[in-house]
Amino acid sequence: MGKIVLRLDRMMVERKMSLNELAERVGISTVNLSKIKNNKVTAIRFSTLAAICEVLACDVADVLEFRNEE
């Protein structure tokens, strides 16, 4: 079965944005954003994902990746 991997760390580096700055602009705590960044979550709200994409000026596909693990 495959899995979804969050690639937020890569986008933050490309956009030269710190965890604190992104958390503030998205409107979530740095602790929660850190969990997202480090793939320590099993779910993410669409509204949070949309806000992250808006702030980073990217597409959902830039943040999410599907890995097929057979």
Protein backbone atom coordinates (compact mmCIF):
# COMPACT_ATOMS: atom_id res chain seq x y z
CA MET A 1 0.00 0.00 0.00
CA GLY A 2 1.24 3.47 -0.84
CA LYS A 3 1.42 6.48 1.42
CA ILE A 4 1.22 10.25 1.21
CA VAL A 5 4.37 12.14 2.22
CA LEU A 6 4.40 15.84 3.05
CA ARG A 7 7.22 17.72 1.33
CA LEU A 8 6.74 20.98 3.19
CA ASP A 9 10.39 21.13 4.22
CA ARG A 10 11.48 21.27 0.57
CA MET A 11 9.03 24.06 -0.27
CA MET A 12 10.10 26.09 2.76
CA VAL A 13 13.74 25.88 1.68
CA GLU A 14 12.86 26.85 -1.90
CA ARG A 15 10.85 29.85 -0.66
CA LYS A 16 13.46 30.73 2.00
CA MET A 17 10.78 30.79 4.69
CA SER A 18 11.31 29.86 8.32
CA LEU A 19 8.99 27.67 10.35
CA ASN A 20 8.04 30.60 12.57
CA GLU A 21 7.26 32.90 9.65
CA LEU A 22 5.17 30.30 7.85
CA ALA A 23 3.27 29.36 11.01
CA GLU A 24 2.46 33.01 11.68
CA ARG A 25 1.31 33.68 8.13
CA VAL A 26 -0.76 30.47 7.93
CA GLY A 27 -2.27 31.03 11.37
CA ILE A 28 -1.27 27.81 13.13
CA SER A 29 1.12 27.10 15.97
CA THR A 30 4.77 26.38 15.25
CA VAL A 31 4.36 23.06 17.07
CA ASN A 32 1.57 21.95 14.71
CA LEU A 33 3.42 23.19 11.65
CA SER A 34 6.56 21.37 12.80
CA LYS A 35 4.56 18.14 13.02
CA ILE A 36 3.29 18.69 9.48
CA LYS A 37 6.78 19.52 8.23
CA ASN A 38 8.26 16.40 9.80
CA ASN A 39 5.49 14.03 8.63
CA LYS A 40 4.28 13.38 12.17
CA VAL A 41 0.60 13.80 11.30
CA THR A 42 -1.96 11.39 9.91
CA ALA A 43 -4.35 14.07 8.68
CA ILE A 44 -4.29 17.71 7.60
CA ARG A 45 -7.27 20.03 7.16
CA PHE A 46 -7.92 21.21 3.64
CA SER A 47 -8.12 24.77 4.96
CA THR A 48 -4.63 24.44 6.47
CA LEU A 49 -3.26 22.91 3.27
CA ALA A 50 -4.86 25.69 1.22
CA ALA A 51 -3.36 28.37 3.49
CA ILE A 52 0.10 26.78 3.25
CA CYS A 53 -0.14 26.68 -0.54
CA GLU A 54 -1.35 30.27 -0.66
CA VAL A 55 1.48 31.57 1.53
CA LEU A 56 4.14 29.54 -0.30
CA ALA A 57 2.61 30.36 -3.71
CA CYS A 58 2.63 26.70 -4.71
CA ASP A 59 0.29 23.92 -5.74
CA VAL A 60 -0.92 21.08 -3.52
CA ALA A 61 1.19 18.68 -5.60
CA ASP A 62 4.28 20.64 -4.53
CA VAL A 63 3.52 19.84 -0.87
CA LEU A 64 2.09 16.31 -1.12
CA GLU A 65 3.77 13.32 -2.70
CA PHE A 66 2.44 9.79 -3.21
CA ARG A 67 4.91 6.96 -2.64
CA ASN A 68 3.97 3.50 -3.78
CA GLU A 69 5.42 1.00 -1.34
CA GLU A 70 4.85 -2.57 -2.35
